[in-house]
């Protein structure tokens, strides 16, 4: 899901910028092998992984480092919204079970 330097996808030094053409070519190959639709983008998979990790309660600092964001705050600003939505759904569900659904 995340390009690794071991695949020689970078230009120059290890850990440097990825070569977009090589990343795209590997993604197309993988997408075809998995029989995913052509409009399924690599970023869709990445977004889903980050969102699922955060919703599962993973440490935002570690999630941010795994996707190479510059800060956990940036990660939470882009992906943390679903955690708020999940908390709202959980609160509404609990309120409904307690007979307080008219307050939600």
N, C-alpha and C. Protein backbone atom coordinates (compact mmCIF):
# COMPACT_ATOMS: atom_id res chain seq x y z
N UNK A 1 0.81 -1.18 0.00
CA UNK A 1 0.00 0.00 0.00
C UNK A 1 0.86 1.25 0.00
N UNK A 2 1.91 1.25 0.78
CA UNK A 2 2.79 2.40 0.81
C UNK A 2 4.09 2.01 0.13
N UNK A 3 4.53 2.83 -0.79
CA UNK A 3 5.75 2.52 -1.54
C UNK A 3 6.94 2.42 -0.60
N UNK A 4 7.74 1.43 -0.80
CA UNK A 4 8.93 1.24 0.02
C UNK A 4 10.16 1.48 -0.84
N UNK A 5 11.20 2.00 -0.24
CA UNK A 5 12.43 2.28 -0.97
C UNK A 5 13.06 1.02 -1.54
N UNK A 6 12.80 -0.13 -0.94
CA UNK A 6 13.36 -1.39 -1.42
C UNK A 6 12.91 -1.76 -2.82
N UNK A 7 11.83 -1.17 -3.30
CA UNK A 7 11.34 -1.46 -4.64
C UNK A 7 12.00 -0.58 -5.69
N UNK A 8 12.99 0.20 -5.29
CA UNK A 8 13.71 1.09 -6.22
C UNK A 8 12.77 2.07 -6.91
N UNK A 9 11.81 2.58 -6.17
CA UNK A 9 10.86 3.53 -6.72
C UNK A 9 11.32 4.97 -6.52
N UNK A 10 12.45 5.15 -5.88
CA UNK A 10 12.91 6.49 -5.56
C UNK A 10 13.94 6.97 -6.57
N UNK A 11 14.12 8.26 -6.60
CA UNK A 11 15.18 8.88 -7.40
C UNK A 11 16.28 9.30 -6.45
N UNK A 12 17.49 8.92 -6.73
CA UNK A 12 18.59 9.37 -5.88
C UNK A 12 18.75 8.53 -4.64
N UNK A 13 18.88 9.20 -3.50
CA UNK A 13 19.16 8.53 -2.24
C UNK A 13 17.94 7.77 -1.72
N UNK A 14 18.21 6.68 -1.01
CA UNK A 14 17.13 5.93 -0.35
C UNK A 14 16.40 6.87 0.60
N UNK A 15 15.11 6.79 0.63
CA UNK A 15 14.30 7.65 1.48
C UNK A 15 13.95 8.97 0.81
N UNK A 16 14.43 9.17 -0.41
CA UNK A 16 14.14 10.39 -1.15
C UNK A 16 12.78 10.31 -1.83
N UNK A 17 12.49 11.27 -2.68
CA UNK A 17 11.19 11.31 -3.36
C UNK A 17 10.99 10.07 -4.24
N UNK A 18 9.76 9.60 -4.29
CA UNK A 18 9.40 8.47 -5.13
C UNK A 18 9.32 8.91 -6.59
N UNK A 19 9.66 8.03 -7.50
CA UNK A 19 9.51 8.30 -8.93
C UNK A 19 8.05 8.03 -9.29
N UNK A 20 7.27 9.06 -9.60
CA UNK A 20 5.83 8.89 -9.82
C UNK A 20 5.49 7.90 -10.93
N UNK A 21 6.31 7.86 -11.97
CA UNK A 21 6.03 6.93 -13.07
C UNK A 21 6.15 5.47 -12.62
N UNK A 22 7.16 5.19 -11.82
CA UNK A 22 7.36 3.81 -11.34
C UNK A 22 6.27 3.42 -10.34
N UNK A 23 5.89 4.35 -9.48
CA UNK A 23 4.82 4.06 -8.53
C UNK A 23 3.53 3.79 -9.29
N UNK A 24 3.22 4.60 -10.28
CA UNK A 24 2.00 4.43 -11.06
C UNK A 24 2.00 3.10 -11.81
N UNK A 25 3.13 2.74 -12.38
CA UNK A 25 3.21 1.48 -13.13
C UNK A 25 2.99 0.28 -12.21
N UNK A 26 3.62 0.31 -11.04
CA UNK A 26 3.42 -0.80 -10.08
C UNK A 26 1.98 -0.84 -9.60
N UNK A 27 1.37 0.32 -9.38
CA UNK A 27 -0.02 0.35 -8.94
C UNK A 27 -0.94 -0.24 -10.01
N UNK A 28 -0.74 0.13 -11.27
CA UNK A 28 -1.59 -0.41 -12.34
C UNK A 28 -1.47 -1.94 -12.40
N UNK A 29 -0.27 -2.44 -12.25
CA UNK A 29 -0.05 -3.90 -12.26
C UNK A 29 -0.80 -4.56 -11.12
N UNK A 30 -0.65 -4.01 -9.92
CA UNK A 30 -1.33 -4.57 -8.75
C UNK A 30 -2.84 -4.47 -8.88
N UNK A 31 -3.33 -3.32 -9.33
CA UNK A 31 -4.77 -3.12 -9.49
C UNK A 31 -5.36 -4.15 -10.46
N UNK A 32 -4.64 -4.41 -11.54
CA UNK A 32 -5.11 -5.40 -12.50
C UNK A 32 -5.10 -6.81 -11.91
N UNK A 33 -4.06 -7.15 -11.18
CA UNK A 33 -3.98 -8.47 -10.55
C UNK A 33 -5.10 -8.69 -9.54
N UNK A 34 -5.50 -7.63 -8.86
CA UNK A 34 -6.56 -7.73 -7.86
C UNK A 34 -7.96 -7.54 -8.45
N UNK A 35 -8.01 -7.29 -9.76
CA UNK A 35 -9.29 -7.08 -10.48
C UNK A 35 -10.08 -5.91 -9.88
N UNK A 36 -9.36 -4.85 -9.53
CA UNK A 36 -10.01 -3.65 -9.01
C UNK A 36 -10.43 -2.78 -10.19
N UNK A 37 -11.47 -1.96 -10.03
CA UNK A 37 -11.87 -1.08 -11.12
C UNK A 37 -10.78 -0.08 -11.48
N UNK A 38 -10.76 0.33 -12.74
CA UNK A 38 -9.73 1.26 -13.19
C UNK A 38 -9.78 2.60 -12.48
N UNK A 39 -10.97 3.00 -12.00
CA UNK A 39 -11.06 4.29 -11.32
C UNK A 39 -10.70 4.20 -9.82
N UNK A 40 -10.29 3.01 -9.37
CA UNK A 40 -9.85 2.85 -7.99
C UNK A 40 -8.42 3.33 -7.89
N UNK A 41 -8.22 4.42 -7.14
CA UNK A 41 -6.90 5.05 -7.06
C UNK A 41 -6.12 4.52 -5.86
N UNK A 42 -4.81 4.55 -5.96
CA UNK A 42 -3.97 4.11 -4.86
C UNK A 42 -4.26 4.95 -3.60
N UNK A 43 -4.60 6.21 -3.79
CA UNK A 43 -4.88 7.07 -2.64
C UNK A 43 -6.17 6.63 -1.94
N UNK A 44 -7.12 6.06 -2.68
CA UNK A 44 -8.34 5.55 -2.03
C UNK A 44 -8.00 4.47 -1.01
N UNK A 45 -7.09 3.60 -1.39
CA UNK A 45 -6.67 2.53 -0.51
C UNK A 45 -5.93 3.10 0.70
N UNK A 46 -5.06 4.04 0.45
CA UNK A 46 -4.29 4.69 1.52
C UNK A 46 -5.23 5.39 2.51
N UNK A 47 -6.19 6.15 1.96
CA UNK A 47 -7.14 6.86 2.81
C UNK A 47 -7.92 5.88 3.69
N UNK A 48 -8.36 4.79 3.08
CA UNK A 48 -9.12 3.78 3.82
C UNK A 48 -8.28 3.18 4.94
N UNK A 49 -7.01 2.89 4.66
CA UNK A 49 -6.13 2.31 5.67
C UNK A 49 -5.92 3.26 6.84
N UNK A 50 -5.65 4.52 6.56
CA UNK A 50 -5.43 5.49 7.63
C UNK A 50 -6.70 5.66 8.47
N UNK A 51 -7.84 5.80 7.80
CA UNK A 51 -9.11 5.95 8.50
C UNK A 51 -9.40 4.75 9.38
N UNK A 52 -9.21 3.54 8.85
CA UNK A 52 -9.46 2.33 9.64
C UNK A 52 -8.52 2.23 10.83
N UNK A 53 -7.26 2.58 10.64
CA UNK A 53 -6.31 2.54 11.75
C UNK A 53 -6.74 3.49 12.86
N UNK A 54 -7.13 4.70 12.50
CA UNK A 54 -7.55 5.67 13.52
C UNK A 54 -8.84 5.23 14.21
N UNK A 55 -9.78 4.70 13.45
CA UNK A 55 -11.04 4.24 14.05
C UNK A 55 -10.82 3.03 14.95
N UNK A 56 -9.77 2.25 14.67
CA UNK A 56 -9.46 1.09 15.50
C UNK A 56 -8.71 1.49 16.78
N UNK A 57 -8.45 2.78 16.93
CA UNK A 57 -7.79 3.27 18.13
C UNK A 57 -6.28 3.26 18.08
N UNK A 58 -5.71 3.12 16.90
CA UNK A 58 -4.25 3.16 16.78
C UNK A 58 -3.74 4.55 17.17
N UNK A 59 -2.53 4.59 17.61
CA UNK A 59 -1.89 5.84 18.04
C UNK A 59 -1.74 6.77 16.83
N UNK A 60 -2.34 7.97 16.86
CA UNK A 60 -2.24 8.89 15.73
C UNK A 60 -0.80 9.27 15.37
N UNK A 61 0.10 9.28 16.35
CA UNK A 61 1.50 9.61 16.06
C UNK A 61 2.11 8.52 15.18
N UNK A 62 1.83 7.26 15.50
CA UNK A 62 2.36 6.15 14.71
C UNK A 62 1.72 6.09 13.32
N UNK A 63 0.40 6.31 13.27
CA UNK A 63 -0.28 6.31 11.97
C UNK A 63 0.30 7.41 11.09
N UNK A 64 0.50 8.58 11.65
CA UNK A 64 1.07 9.70 10.90
C UNK A 64 2.47 9.37 10.39
N UNK A 65 3.28 8.76 11.22
CA UNK A 65 4.64 8.39 10.81
C UNK A 65 4.61 7.34 9.69
N UNK A 66 3.68 6.39 9.77
CA UNK A 66 3.59 5.34 8.75
C UNK A 66 3.26 5.89 7.38
N UNK A 67 2.46 6.94 7.33
CA UNK A 67 2.08 7.52 6.04
C UNK A 67 2.95 8.72 5.68
N UNK A 68 3.97 8.95 6.51
CA UNK A 68 4.96 9.99 6.27
C UNK A 68 4.38 11.40 6.19
N UNK A 69 3.38 11.65 7.04
CA UNK A 69 2.88 13.02 7.17
C UNK A 69 3.84 13.80 8.04
N UNK A 70 3.83 15.12 7.90
CA UNK A 70 4.78 15.93 8.66
C UNK A 70 4.40 16.08 10.13
N UNK A 71 3.12 15.80 10.47
CA UNK A 71 2.73 15.88 11.87
C UNK A 71 1.45 15.09 12.10
N UNK A 72 1.25 14.62 13.34
CA UNK A 72 -0.01 13.94 13.67
C UNK A 72 -1.21 14.88 13.54
N UNK A 73 -0.99 16.18 13.77
CA UNK A 73 -2.07 17.14 13.62
C UNK A 73 -2.59 17.19 12.19
N UNK A 74 -1.68 17.11 11.24
CA UNK A 74 -2.08 17.09 9.83
C UNK A 74 -2.91 15.84 9.54
N UNK A 75 -2.44 14.70 10.04
CA UNK A 75 -3.16 13.44 9.83
C UNK A 75 -4.56 13.53 10.42
N UNK A 76 -4.67 14.04 11.63
CA UNK A 76 -5.97 14.13 12.28
C UNK A 76 -6.88 15.13 11.59
N UNK A 77 -6.30 16.21 11.05
CA UNK A 77 -7.13 17.20 10.34
C UNK A 77 -7.76 16.59 9.11
N UNK A 78 -7.02 15.71 8.42
CA UNK A 78 -7.55 15.11 7.18
C UNK A 78 -8.36 13.86 7.43
N UNK A 79 -7.99 13.05 8.42
CA UNK A 79 -8.61 11.75 8.60
C UNK A 79 -9.38 11.61 9.91
N UNK A 80 -9.23 12.54 10.83
CA UNK A 80 -9.87 12.43 12.14
C UNK A 80 -11.36 12.68 12.13
N UNK A 81 -11.90 13.24 11.06
CA UNK A 81 -13.32 13.57 11.01
C UNK A 81 -14.19 12.35 11.19
N UNK A 82 -13.78 11.20 10.68
CA UNK A 82 -14.61 10.01 10.80
C UNK A 82 -14.69 9.53 12.24
N UNK A 83 -13.67 9.86 13.04
CA UNK A 83 -13.73 9.51 14.46
C UNK A 83 -14.84 10.30 15.16
N UNK A 84 -15.01 11.58 14.78
CA UNK A 84 -16.08 12.37 15.36
C UNK A 84 -17.44 11.80 14.95
N UNK A 85 -17.56 11.42 13.66
CA UNK A 85 -18.81 10.85 13.18
C UNK A 85 -19.13 9.55 13.91
N UNK A 86 -18.10 8.73 14.13
CA UNK A 86 -18.30 7.48 14.86
C UNK A 86 -18.73 7.73 16.29
N UNK A 87 -18.15 8.73 16.92
CA UNK A 87 -18.52 9.06 18.30
C UNK A 87 -19.98 9.54 18.35
N UNK A 88 -20.38 10.32 17.36
CA UNK A 88 -21.78 10.77 17.32
C UNK A 88 -22.74 9.60 17.16
N UNK A 89 -22.39 8.66 16.26
CA UNK A 89 -23.25 7.48 16.06
C UNK A 89 -23.34 6.65 17.33
N UNK A 90 -22.21 6.47 18.00
CA UNK A 90 -22.19 5.71 19.24
C UNK A 90 -23.05 6.40 20.30
N UNK A 91 -22.94 7.72 20.43
CA UNK A 91 -23.75 8.45 21.41
C UNK A 91 -25.23 8.34 21.09
N UNK A 92 -25.58 8.45 19.82
CA UNK A 92 -26.99 8.35 19.42
C UNK A 92 -27.52 6.95 19.69
N UNK A 93 -26.69 5.94 19.45
CA UNK A 93 -27.10 4.56 19.70
C UNK A 93 -27.35 4.34 21.19
N UNK A 94 -26.42 4.83 22.02
CA UNK A 94 -26.58 4.69 23.47
C UNK A 94 -27.79 5.45 23.97
N UNK A 95 -28.01 6.64 23.44
CA UNK A 95 -29.17 7.43 23.86
C UNK A 95 -30.46 6.72 23.48
N UNK A 96 -30.47 6.10 22.31
CA UNK A 96 -31.66 5.37 21.88
C UNK A 96 -31.96 4.19 22.80
N UNK A 97 -30.92 3.48 23.22
CA UNK A 97 -31.11 2.34 24.12
C UNK A 97 -31.62 2.78 25.49
N UNK A 98 -31.27 3.99 25.88
CA UNK A 98 -31.71 4.50 27.18
C UNK A 98 -33.06 5.22 27.11
N UNK A 99 -33.64 5.28 25.91
CA UNK A 99 -34.92 5.97 25.75
C UNK A 99 -34.76 7.48 25.65
N UNK A 100 -33.58 7.96 25.30
CA UNK A 100 -33.33 9.39 25.19
C UNK A 100 -33.23 9.85 23.73
N UNK A 101 -33.74 9.05 22.83
CA UNK A 101 -33.56 9.35 21.41
C UNK A 101 -34.19 10.68 21.01
N UNK A 102 -35.17 11.14 21.76
CA UNK A 102 -35.79 12.43 21.43
C UNK A 102 -34.84 13.59 21.72
N UNK A 103 -33.77 13.35 22.50
CA UNK A 103 -32.81 14.40 22.83
C UNK A 103 -31.69 14.49 21.81
N UNK A 104 -31.53 13.48 20.98
CA UNK A 104 -30.40 13.43 20.03
C UNK A 104 -30.78 14.07 18.74
